[in-house]
Amino acid sequence: MKAGISPIKKRSRAGHLDLLAREKAAAADEFLERQFGEFTLRQYPTGRLWVTFPDGYVTEDLNTYEPQVVWALRNKHSDFNAALNWAGWR
């Protein structure tokens, strides 16, 4: 250990078990689904956000989008803004 620098804290047992439980639930295809106007969202226990857009396009993980694109969609569609608020994307 270097002087004055503490070692990297590892995940606790409880945190590790919680992560395993969420990954298992996501693998079993458990999710919350909600419709906002023409947008359909699925929120998985691991935090992944699946979005079906009005034109039928589906993104399996909204985190892969650039923040500017998400912000522009949010400003353009009030339903999408409400959907992201529901998902905790403030």
PDB file of N, CA and C in Angstrom:
ATOM      1  N   MET A   1       0.842  -1.179   0.000  1.00  0.00           N
ATOM      2  CA  MET A   1       0.000   0.000   0.000  1.00  0.00           C
ATOM      3  C   MET A   1       0.889   1.246   0.000  1.00  0.00           C
ATOM      4  N   LYS A   2       0.539   2.189  -0.850  1.00  0.00           N
ATOM      5  CA  LYS A   2       1.280   3.441  -0.876  1.00  0.00           C
ATOM      6  C   LYS A   2       0.909   4.270   0.346  1.00  0.00           C
ATOM      7  N   ALA A   3       1.827   5.081   0.768  1.00  0.00           N
ATOM      8  CA  ALA A   3       1.603   5.913   1.946  1.00  0.00           C
ATOM      9  C   ALA A   3       0.458   6.895   1.713  1.00  0.00           C
ATOM     10  N   GLY A   4      -0.503   6.885   2.619  1.00  0.00           N
ATOM     11  CA  GLY A   4      -1.615   7.835   2.554  1.00  0.00           C
ATOM     12  C   GLY A   4      -2.722   7.457   1.589  1.00  0.00           C
ATOM     13  N   ILE A   5      -2.575   6.343   0.871  1.00  0.00           N
ATOM     14  CA  ILE A   5      -3.614   5.925  -0.077  1.00  0.00           C
ATOM     15  C   ILE A   5      -4.179   4.596   0.393  1.00  0.00           C
ATOM     16  N   SER A   6      -5.463   4.599   0.695  1.00  0.00           N
ATOM     17  CA  SER A   6      -6.095   3.360   1.159  1.00  0.00           C
ATOM     18  C   SER A   6      -6.379   2.443  -0.028  1.00  0.00           C
ATOM     19  N   PRO A   7      -6.431   1.145   0.223  1.00  0.00           N
ATOM     20  CA  PRO A   7      -6.711   0.212  -0.880  1.00  0.00           C
ATOM     21  C   PRO A   7      -8.121   0.407  -1.431  1.00  0.00           C
ATOM     22  N   ILE A   8      -8.318  -0.021  -2.650  1.00  0.00           N
ATOM     23  CA  ILE A   8      -9.628   0.106  -3.291  1.00  0.00           C
ATOM     24  C   ILE A   8     -10.646  -0.733  -2.521  1.00  0.00           C
ATOM     25  N   LYS A   9     -11.749  -0.114  -2.159  1.00  0.00           N
ATOM     26  CA  LYS A   9     -12.783  -0.824  -1.403  1.00  0.00           C
ATOM     27  C   LYS A   9     -13.488  -1.801  -2.329  1.00  0.00           C
ATOM     28  N   LYS A  10     -13.628  -2.999  -1.845  1.00  0.00           N
ATOM     29  CA  LYS A  10     -14.317  -4.016  -2.629  1.00  0.00           C
ATOM     30  C   LYS A  10     -15.792  -4.016  -2.275  1.00  0.00           C
ATOM     31  N   ARG A  11     -16.576  -4.585  -3.124  1.00  0.00           N
ATOM     32  CA  ARG A  11     -18.010  -4.689  -2.905  1.00  0.00           C
ATOM     33  C   ARG A  11     -18.279  -5.559  -1.678  1.00  0.00           C
ATOM     34  N   SER A  12     -19.257  -5.164  -0.870  1.00  0.00           N
ATOM     35  CA  SER A  12     -19.615  -5.971   0.292  1.00  0.00           C
ATOM     36  C   SER A  12     -20.332  -7.234  -0.170  1.00  0.00           C
ATOM     37  N   ARG A  13     -20.456  -8.189   0.728  1.00  0.00           N
ATOM     38  CA  ARG A  13     -21.140  -9.443   0.396  1.00  0.00           C
ATOM     39  C   ARG A  13     -22.594  -9.170   0.030  1.00  0.00           C
ATOM     40  N   ALA A  14     -23.247  -8.303   0.808  1.00  0.00           N
ATOM     41  CA  ALA A  14     -24.649  -7.970   0.537  1.00  0.00           C
ATOM     42  C   ALA A  14     -24.795  -7.288  -0.821  1.00  0.00           C
ATOM     43  N   GLY A  15     -23.866  -6.376  -1.144  1.00  0.00           N
ATOM     44  CA  GLY A  15     -23.904  -5.702  -2.441  1.00  0.00           C
ATOM     45  C   GLY A  15     -23.677  -6.667  -3.587  1.00  0.00           C
ATOM     46  N   HIS A  16     -22.766  -7.609  -3.378  1.00  0.00           N
ATOM     47  CA  HIS A  16     -22.491  -8.601  -4.410  1.00  0.00           C
ATOM     48  C   HIS A  16     -23.701  -9.508  -4.637  1.00  0.00           C
ATOM     49  N   LEU A  17     -24.349  -9.939  -3.556  1.00  0.00           N
ATOM     50  CA  LEU A  17     -25.537 -10.789  -3.680  1.00  0.00           C
ATOM     51  C   LEU A  17     -26.692 -10.039  -4.344  1.00  0.00           C
ATOM     52  N   ASP A  18     -26.820  -8.737  -4.041  1.00  0.00           N
ATOM     53  CA  ASP A  18     -27.862  -7.928  -4.675  1.00  0.00           C
ATOM     54  C   ASP A  18     -27.624  -7.829  -6.176  1.00  0.00           C
ATOM     55  N   LEU A  19     -26.383  -7.605  -6.572  1.00  0.00           N
ATOM     56  CA  LEU A  19     -26.048  -7.523  -7.994  1.00  0.00           C
ATOM     57  C   LEU A  19     -26.339  -8.848  -8.698  1.00  0.00           C
ATOM     58  N   LEU A  20     -25.976  -9.961  -8.066  1.00  0.00           N
ATOM     59  CA  LEU A  20     -26.260 -11.271  -8.650  1.00  0.00           C
ATOM     60  C   LEU A  20     -27.761 -11.496  -8.814  1.00  0.00           C
ATOM     61  N   ALA A  21     -28.551 -11.078  -7.820  1.00  0.00           N
ATOM     62  CA  ALA A  21     -30.010 -11.241  -7.888  1.00  0.00           C
ATOM     63  C   ALA A  21     -30.597 -10.404  -9.024  1.00  0.00           C
ATOM     64  N   ARG A  22     -30.084  -9.178  -9.198  1.00  0.00           N
ATOM     65  CA  ARG A  22     -30.592  -8.332 -10.285  1.00  0.00           C
ATOM     66  C   ARG A  22     -30.202  -8.879 -11.644  1.00  0.00           C
ATOM     67  N   GLU A  23     -28.991  -9.391 -11.772  1.00  0.00           N
ATOM     68  CA  GLU A  23     -28.566  -9.986 -13.045  1.00  0.00           C
ATOM     69  C   GLU A  23     -29.373 -11.238 -13.357  1.00  0.00           C
ATOM     70  N   LYS A  24     -29.688 -12.024 -12.340  1.00  0.00           N
ATOM     71  CA  LYS A  24     -30.502 -13.229 -12.540  1.00  0.00           C
ATOM     72  C   LYS A  24     -31.920 -12.851 -12.972  1.00  0.00           C
ATOM     73  N   ALA A  25     -32.486 -11.817 -12.361  1.00  0.00           N
ATOM     74  CA  ALA A  25     -33.823 -11.362 -12.741  1.00  0.00           C
ATOM     75  C   ALA A  25     -33.836 -10.837 -14.174  1.00  0.00           C
ATOM     76  N   ALA A  26     -32.799 -10.109 -14.569  1.00  0.00           N
ATOM     77  CA  ALA A  26     -32.717  -9.595 -15.942  1.00  0.00           C
ATOM     78  C   ALA A  26     -32.575 -10.745 -16.933  1.00  0.00           C
ATOM     79  N   ALA A  27     -31.814 -11.768 -16.561  1.00  0.00           N
ATOM     80  CA  ALA A  27     -31.650 -12.927 -17.443  1.00  0.00           C
ATOM     81  C   ALA A  27     -32.953 -13.705 -17.588  1.00  0.00           C
ATOM     82  N   ALA A  28     -33.795 -13.662 -16.550  1.00  0.00           N
ATOM     83  CA  ALA A  28     -35.096 -14.334 -16.601  1.00  0.00           C
ATOM     84  C   ALA A  28     -36.136 -13.462 -17.296  1.00  0.00           C
ATOM     85  N   ASP A  29     -35.691 -12.345 -17.869  1.00  0.00           N
ATOM     86  CA  ASP A  29     -36.545 -11.409 -18.612  1.00  0.00           C
ATOM     87  C   ASP A  29     -37.630 -10.790 -17.741  1.00  0.00           C
ATOM     88  N   GLU A  30     -37.268 -10.426 -16.501  1.00  0.00           N
ATOM     89  CA  GLU A  30     -38.179  -9.695 -15.624  1.00  0.00           C
ATOM     90  C   GLU A  30     -37.948  -8.206 -15.844  1.00  0.00           C
ATOM     91  N   PHE A  31     -39.037  -7.460 -15.990  1.00  0.00           N
ATOM     92  CA  PHE A  31     -38.927  -6.025 -16.217  1.00  0.00           C
ATOM     93  C   PHE A  31     -40.242  -5.345 -15.869  1.00  0.00           C
ATOM     94  N   LEU A  32     -40.195  -4.026 -15.729  1.00  0.00           N
ATOM     95  CA  LEU A  32     -41.396  -3.201 -15.585  1.00  0.00           C
ATOM     96  C   LEU A  32     -41.646  -2.558 -16.935  1.00  0.00           C
ATOM     97  N   GLU A  33     -42.883  -2.631 -17.417  1.00  0.00           N
ATOM     98  CA  GLU A  33     -43.200  -2.046 -18.722  1.00  0.00           C
ATOM     99  C   GLU A  33     -44.300  -1.025 -18.544  1.00  0.00           C
ATOM    100  N   ARG A  34     -44.145   0.088 -19.220  1.00  0.00           N
ATOM    101  CA  ARG A  34     -45.149   1.145 -19.135  1.00  0.00           C
ATOM    102  C   ARG A  34     -45.216   1.878 -20.466  1.00  0.00           C
ATOM    103  N   GLN A  35     -46.404   2.316 -20.821  1.00  0.00           N
ATOM    104  CA  GLN A  35     -46.651   3.034 -22.075  1.00  0.00           C
ATOM    105  C   GLN A  35     -46.858   4.515 -21.768  1.00  0.00           C
ATOM    106  N   PHE A  36     -46.208   5.363 -22.541  1.00  0.00           N
ATOM    107  CA  PHE A  36     -46.356   6.817 -22.448  1.00  0.00           C
ATOM    108  C   PHE A  36     -46.680   7.327 -23.836  1.00  0.00           C
ATOM    109  N   GLY A  37     -47.941   7.552 -24.108  1.00  0.00           N
ATOM    110  CA  GLY A  37     -48.336   7.961 -25.453  1.00  0.00           C
ATOM    111  C   GLY A  37     -47.954   6.879 -26.437  1.00  0.00           C
ATOM    112  N   GLU A  38     -47.097   7.212 -27.393  1.00  0.00           N
ATOM    113  CA  GLU A  38     -46.649   6.244 -28.393  1.00  0.00           C
ATOM    114  C   GLU A  38     -45.331   5.579 -28.023  1.00  0.00           C
ATOM    115  N   PHE A  39     -44.759   5.939 -26.876  1.00  0.00           N
ATOM    116  CA  PHE A  39     -43.495   5.343 -26.425  1.00  0.00           C
ATOM    117  C   PHE A  39     -43.775   4.224 -25.429  1.00  0.00           C
ATOM    118  N   THR A  40     -43.074   3.111 -25.582  1.00  0.00           N
ATOM    119  CA  THR A  40     -43.168   2.001 -24.631  1.00  0.00           C
ATOM    120  C   THR A  40     -41.787   1.803 -24.026  1.00  0.00           C
ATOM    121  N   LEU A  41     -41.744   1.756 -22.691  1.00  0.00           N
ATOM    122  CA  LEU A  41     -40.473   1.575 -21.995  1.00  0.00           C
ATOM    123  C   LEU A  41     -40.496   0.310 -21.165  1.00  0.00           C
ATOM    124  N   ARG A  42     -39.362  -0.357 -21.135  1.00  0.00           N
ATOM    125  CA  ARG A  42     -39.142  -1.496 -20.248  1.00  0.00           C
ATOM    126  C   ARG A  42     -37.925  -1.165 -19.397  1.00  0.00           C
ATOM    127  N   GLN A  43     -38.093  -1.255 -18.093  1.00  0.00           N
ATOM    128  CA  GLN A  43     -36.972  -1.015 -17.189  1.00  0.00           C
ATOM    129  C   GLN A  43     -36.591  -2.331 -16.533  1.00  0.00           C
ATOM    130  N   TYR A  44     -35.345  -2.734 -16.737  1.00  0.00           N
ATOM    131  CA  TYR A  44     -34.841  -3.988 -16.193  1.00  0.00           C
ATOM    132  C   TYR A  44     -34.185  -3.747 -14.835  1.00  0.00           C
ATOM    133  N   PRO A  45     -34.098  -4.778 -13.989  1.00  0.00           N
ATOM    134  CA  PRO A  45     -33.513  -4.608 -12.652  1.00  0.00           C
ATOM    135  C   PRO A  45     -32.066  -4.119 -12.658  1.00  0.00           C
ATOM    136  N   THR A  46     -31.345  -4.370 -13.723  1.00  0.00           N
ATOM    137  CA  THR A  46     -29.954  -3.932 -13.810  1.00  0.00           C
ATOM    138  C   THR A  46     -29.824  -2.481 -14.239  1.00  0.00           C
ATOM    139  N   GLY A  47     -30.957  -1.820 -14.547  1.00  0.00           N
ATOM    140  CA  GLY A  47     -30.930  -0.417 -14.938  1.00  0.00           C
ATOM    141  C   GLY A  47     -31.057  -0.190 -16.420  1.00  0.00           C
ATOM    142  N   ARG A  48     -31.035  -1.254 -17.208  1.00  0.00           N
ATOM    143  CA  ARG A  48     -31.157  -1.115 -18.661  1.00  0.00           C
ATOM    144  C   ARG A  48     -32.552  -0.596 -19.010  1.00  0.00           C
ATOM    145  N   LEU A  49     -32.625   0.314 -19.956  1.00  0.00           N
ATOM    146  CA  LEU A  49     -33.900   0.908 -20.367  1.00  0.00           C
ATOM    147  C   LEU A  49     -34.139   0.612 -21.844  1.00  0.00           C
ATOM    148  N   TRP A  50     -35.137  -0.204 -22.116  1.00  0.00           N
ATOM    149  CA  TRP A  50     -35.537  -0.612 -23.459  1.00  0.00           C
ATOM    150  C   TRP A  50     -36.627   0.351 -23.903  1.00  0.00           C
ATOM    151  N   VAL A  51     -36.498   0.939 -25.076  1.00  0.00           N
ATOM    152  CA  VAL A  51     -37.478   1.916 -25.567  1.00  0.00           C
ATOM    153  C   VAL A  51     -37.963   1.501 -26.947  1.00  0.00           C
ATOM    154  N   THR A  52     -39.293   1.515 -27.123  1.00  0.00           N
ATOM    155  CA  THR A  52     -39.892   1.342 -28.442  1.00  0.00           C
ATOM    156  C   THR A  52     -40.433   2.707 -28.854  1.00  0.00           C
ATOM    157  N   PHE A  53     -39.928   3.226 -29.965  1.00  0.00           N
ATOM    158  CA  PHE A  53     -40.300   4.553 -30.445  1.00  0.00           C
ATOM    159  C   PHE A  53     -41.571   4.480 -31.289  1.00  0.00           C
ATOM    160  N   PRO A  54     -42.233   5.627 -31.526  1.00  0.00           N
ATOM    161  CA  PRO A  54     -43.485   5.644 -32.292  1.00  0.00           C
ATOM    162  C   PRO A  54     -43.365   5.054 -33.700  1.00  0.00           C
ATOM    163  N   ASP A  55     -42.190   5.170 -34.318  1.00  0.00           N
ATOM    164  CA  ASP A  55     -42.030   4.645 -35.680  1.00  0.00           C
ATOM    165  C   ASP A  55     -41.726   3.149 -35.697  1.00  0.00           C
ATOM    166  N   GLY A  56     -41.702   2.509 -34.504  1.00  0.00           N
ATOM    167  CA  GLY A  56     -41.463   1.074 -34.426  1.00  0.00           C
ATOM    168  C   GLY A  56     -40.021   0.697 -34.137  1.00  0.00           C
ATOM    169  N   TYR A  57     -39.127   1.685 -34.153  1.00  0.00           N
ATOM    170  CA  TYR A  57     -37.725   1.407 -33.855  1.00  0.00           C
ATOM    171  C   TYR A  57     -37.573   1.029 -32.385  1.00  0.00           C
ATOM    172  N   VAL A  58     -36.745   0.032 -32.103  1.00  0.00           N
ATOM    173  CA  VAL A  58     -36.524  -0.441 -30.735  1.00  0.00           C
ATOM    174  C   VAL A  58     -35.052  -0.309 -30.386  1.00  0.00           C
ATOM    175  N   THR A  59     -34.779   0.302 -29.239  1.00  0.00           N
ATOM    176  CA  THR A  59     -33.422   0.320 -28.713  1.00  0.00           C
ATOM    177  C   THR A  59     -33.418  -0.491 -27.430  1.00  0.00           C
ATOM    178  N   GLU A  60     -32.494  -1.440 -27.331  1.00  0.00           N
ATOM    179  CA  GLU A  60     -32.458  -2.324 -26.177  1.00  0.00           C
ATOM    180  C   GLU A  60     -31.804  -1.677 -24.968  1.00  0.00           C
ATOM    181  N   ASP A  61     -31.048  -0.617 -25.161  1.00  0.00           N
ATOM    182  CA  ASP A  61     -30.413   0.066 -24.042  1.00  0.00           C
ATOM    183  C   ASP A  61     -30.223   1.536 -24.405  1.00  0.00           C
ATOM    184  N   LEU A  62     -30.981   2.391 -23.743  1.00  0.00           N
ATOM    185  CA  LEU A  62     -30.920   3.815 -24.043  1.00  0.00           C
ATOM    186  C   LEU A  62     -29.580   4.421 -23.618  1.00  0.00           C
ATOM    187  N   ASN A  63     -28.841   3.748 -22.748  1.00  0.00           N
ATOM    188  CA  ASN A  63     -27.528   4.249 -22.327  1.00  0.00           C
ATOM    189  C   ASN A  63     -26.528   4.307 -23.479  1.00  0.00           C
ATOM    190  N   THR A  64     -26.803   3.594 -24.570  1.00  0.00           N
ATOM    191  CA  THR A  64     -25.884   3.605 -25.702  1.00  0.00           C
ATOM    192  C   THR A  64     -26.031   4.871 -26.552  1.00  0.00           C
ATOM    193  N   TYR A  65     -27.092   5.639 -26.328  1.00  0.00           N
ATOM    194  CA  TYR A  65     -27.315   6.876 -27.076  1.00  0.00           C
ATOM    195  C   TYR A  65     -26.464   8.001 -26.504  1.00  0.00           C
ATOM    196  N   GLU A  66     -26.091   8.924 -27.360  1.00  0.00           N
ATOM    197  CA  GLU A  66     -25.375  10.116 -26.920  1.00  0.00           C
ATOM    198  C   GLU A  66     -26.323  10.983 -26.088  1.00  0.00           C
ATOM    199  N   PRO A  67     -25.830  11.625 -25.030  1.00  0.00           N
ATOM    200  CA  PRO A  67     -26.687  12.466 -24.193  1.00  0.00           C
ATOM    201  C   PRO A  67     -27.400  13.576 -24.969  1.00  0.00           C
ATOM    202  N   GLN A  68     -26.750  14.122 -25.990  1.00  0.00           N
ATOM    203  CA  GLN A  68     -27.364  15.198 -26.777  1.00  0.00           C
ATOM    204  C   GLN A  68     -28.603  14.689 -27.516  1.00  0.00           C
ATOM    205  N   VAL A  69     -28.550  13.452 -28.003  1.00  0.00           N
ATOM    206  CA  VAL A  69     -29.687  12.868 -28.728  1.00  0.00           C
ATOM    207  C   VAL A  69     -30.849  12.642 -27.775  1.00  0.00           C
ATOM    208  N   VAL A  70     -30.556  12.108 -26.589  1.00  0.00           N
ATOM    209  CA  VAL A  70     -31.605  11.869 -25.594  1.00  0.00           C
ATOM    210  C   VAL A  70     -32.221  13.198 -25.169  1.00  0.00           C
ATOM    211  N   TRP A  71     -31.382  14.207 -24.972  1.00  0.00           N
ATOM    212  CA  TRP A  71     -31.874  15.527 -24.564  1.00  0.00           C
ATOM    213  C   TRP A  71     -32.771  16.135 -25.653  1.00  0.00           C
ATOM    214  N   ALA A  72     -32.387  15.994 -26.910  1.00  0.00           N
ATOM    215  CA  ALA A  72     -33.190  16.532 -28.006  1.00  0.00           C
ATOM    216  C   ALA A  72     -34.539  15.820 -28.092  1.00  0.00           C
ATOM    217  N   LEU A  73     -34.540  14.498 -27.942  1.00  0.00           N
ATOM    218  CA  LEU A  73     -35.802  13.748 -27.948  1.00  0.00           C
ATOM    219  C   LEU A  73     -36.682  14.148 -26.779  1.00  0.00           C
ATOM    220  N   ARG A  74     -36.044  14.357 -25.648  1.00  0.00           N
ATOM    221  CA  ARG A  74     -36.779  14.738 -24.441  1.00  0.00           C
ATOM    222  C   ARG A  74     -37.458  16.098 -24.621  1.00  0.00           C
ATOM    223  N   ASN A  75     -36.764  17.037 -25.253  1.00  0.00           N
ATOM    224  CA  ASN A  75     -37.338  18.360 -25.485  1.00  0.00           C
ATOM    225  C   ASN A  75     -38.395  18.349 -26.587  1.00  0.00           C
ATOM    226  N   LYS A  76     -38.287  17.424 -27.526  1.00  0.00           N
ATOM    227  CA  LYS A  76     -39.211  17.370 -28.656  1.00  0.00           C
ATOM    228  C   LYS A  76     -40.526  16.674 -28.305  1.00  0.00           C
ATOM    229  N   HIS A  77     -40.471  15.652 -27.448  1.00  0.00           N
ATOM    230  CA  HIS A  77     -41.658  14.850 -27.134  1.00  0.00           C
ATOM    231  C   HIS A  77     -41.947  14.885 -25.639  1.00  0.00           C
ATOM    232  N   SER A  78     -43.084  15.446 -25.271  1.00  0.00           N
ATOM    233  CA  SER A  78     -43.435  15.512 -23.848  1.00  0.00           C
ATOM    234  C   SER A  78     -43.693  14.118 -23.266  1.00  0.00           C
ATOM    235  N   ASP A  79     -44.200  13.184 -24.086  1.00  0.00           N
ATOM    236  CA  ASP A  79     -44.413  11.813 -23.611  1.00  0.00           C
ATOM    237  C   ASP A  79     -43.075  11.138 -23.279  1.00  0.00           C
ATOM    238  N   PHE A  80     -42.072  11.394 -24.097  1.00  0.00           N
ATOM    239  CA  PHE A  80     -40.751  10.819 -23.849  1.00  0.00           C
ATOM    240  C   PHE A  80     -40.144  11.415 -22.582  1.00  0.00           C
ATOM    241  N   ASN A  81     -40.384  12.700 -22.360  1.00  0.00           N
ATOM    242  CA  ASN A  81     -39.913  13.361 -21.144  1.00  0.00           C
ATOM    243  C   ASN A  81     -40.563  12.720 -19.914  1.00  0.00           C
ATOM    244  N   ALA A  82     -41.879  12.477 -19.968  1.00  0.00           N
ATOM    245  CA  ALA A  82     -42.578  11.827 -18.857  1.00  0.00           C
ATOM    246  C   ALA A  82     -42.067  10.406 -18.644  1.00  0.00           C
ATOM    247  N   ALA A  83     -41.757   9.718 -19.731  1.00  0.00           N
ATOM    248  CA  ALA A  83     -41.250   8.352 -19.639  1.00  0.00           C
ATOM    249  C   ALA A  83     -39.896   8.320 -18.943  1.00  0.00           C
ATOM    250  N   LEU A  84     -39.022   9.238 -19.302  1.00  0.00           N
ATOM    251  CA  LEU A  84     -37.706   9.267 -18.672  1.00  0.00           C
ATOM    252  C   LEU A  84     -37.798   9.685 -17.210  1.00  0.00           C
ATOM    253  N   ASN A  85     -38.733  10.563 -16.881  1.00  0.00           N
ATOM    254  CA  ASN A  85     -38.950  10.920 -15.471  1.00  0.00           C
ATOM    255  C   ASN A  85     -39.408   9.698 -14.681  1.00  0.00           C
ATOM    256  N   TRP A  86     -40.295   8.888 -15.263  1.00  0.00           N
ATOM    257  CA  TRP A  86     -40.751   7.665 -14.620  1.00  0.00           C
ATOM    258  C   TRP A  86     -39.589   6.706 -14.366  1.00  0.00           C
ATOM    259  N   ALA A  87     -38.665   6.636 -15.319  1.00  0.00           N
ATOM    260  CA  ALA A  87     -37.532   5.729 -15.221  1.00  0.00           C
ATOM    261  C   ALA A  87     -36.428   6.271 -14.302  1.00  0.00           C
ATOM    262  N   GLY A  88     -36.585   7.498 -13.838  1.00  0.00           N
ATOM    263  CA  GLY A  88     -35.587   8.079 -12.941  1.00  0.00           C
ATOM    264  C   GLY A  88     -34.472   8.833 -13.653  1.00  0.00           C
ATOM    265  N   TRP A  89     -34.652   9.117 -14.919  1.00  0.00           N
ATOM    266  CA  TRP A  89     -33.658   9.873 -15.693  1.00  0.00           C
ATOM    267  C   TRP A  89     -34.019  11.349 -15.602  1.00  0.00           C
ATOM    268  N   ARG A  90     -33.652  11.993 -14.559  1.00  0.00           N
ATOM    269  CA  ARG A  90     -34.035  13.380 -14.341  1.00  0.00           C
ATOM    270  C   ARG A  90     -33.089  14.334 -14.993  1.00  0.00           C
TER     271      ARG A  90
END
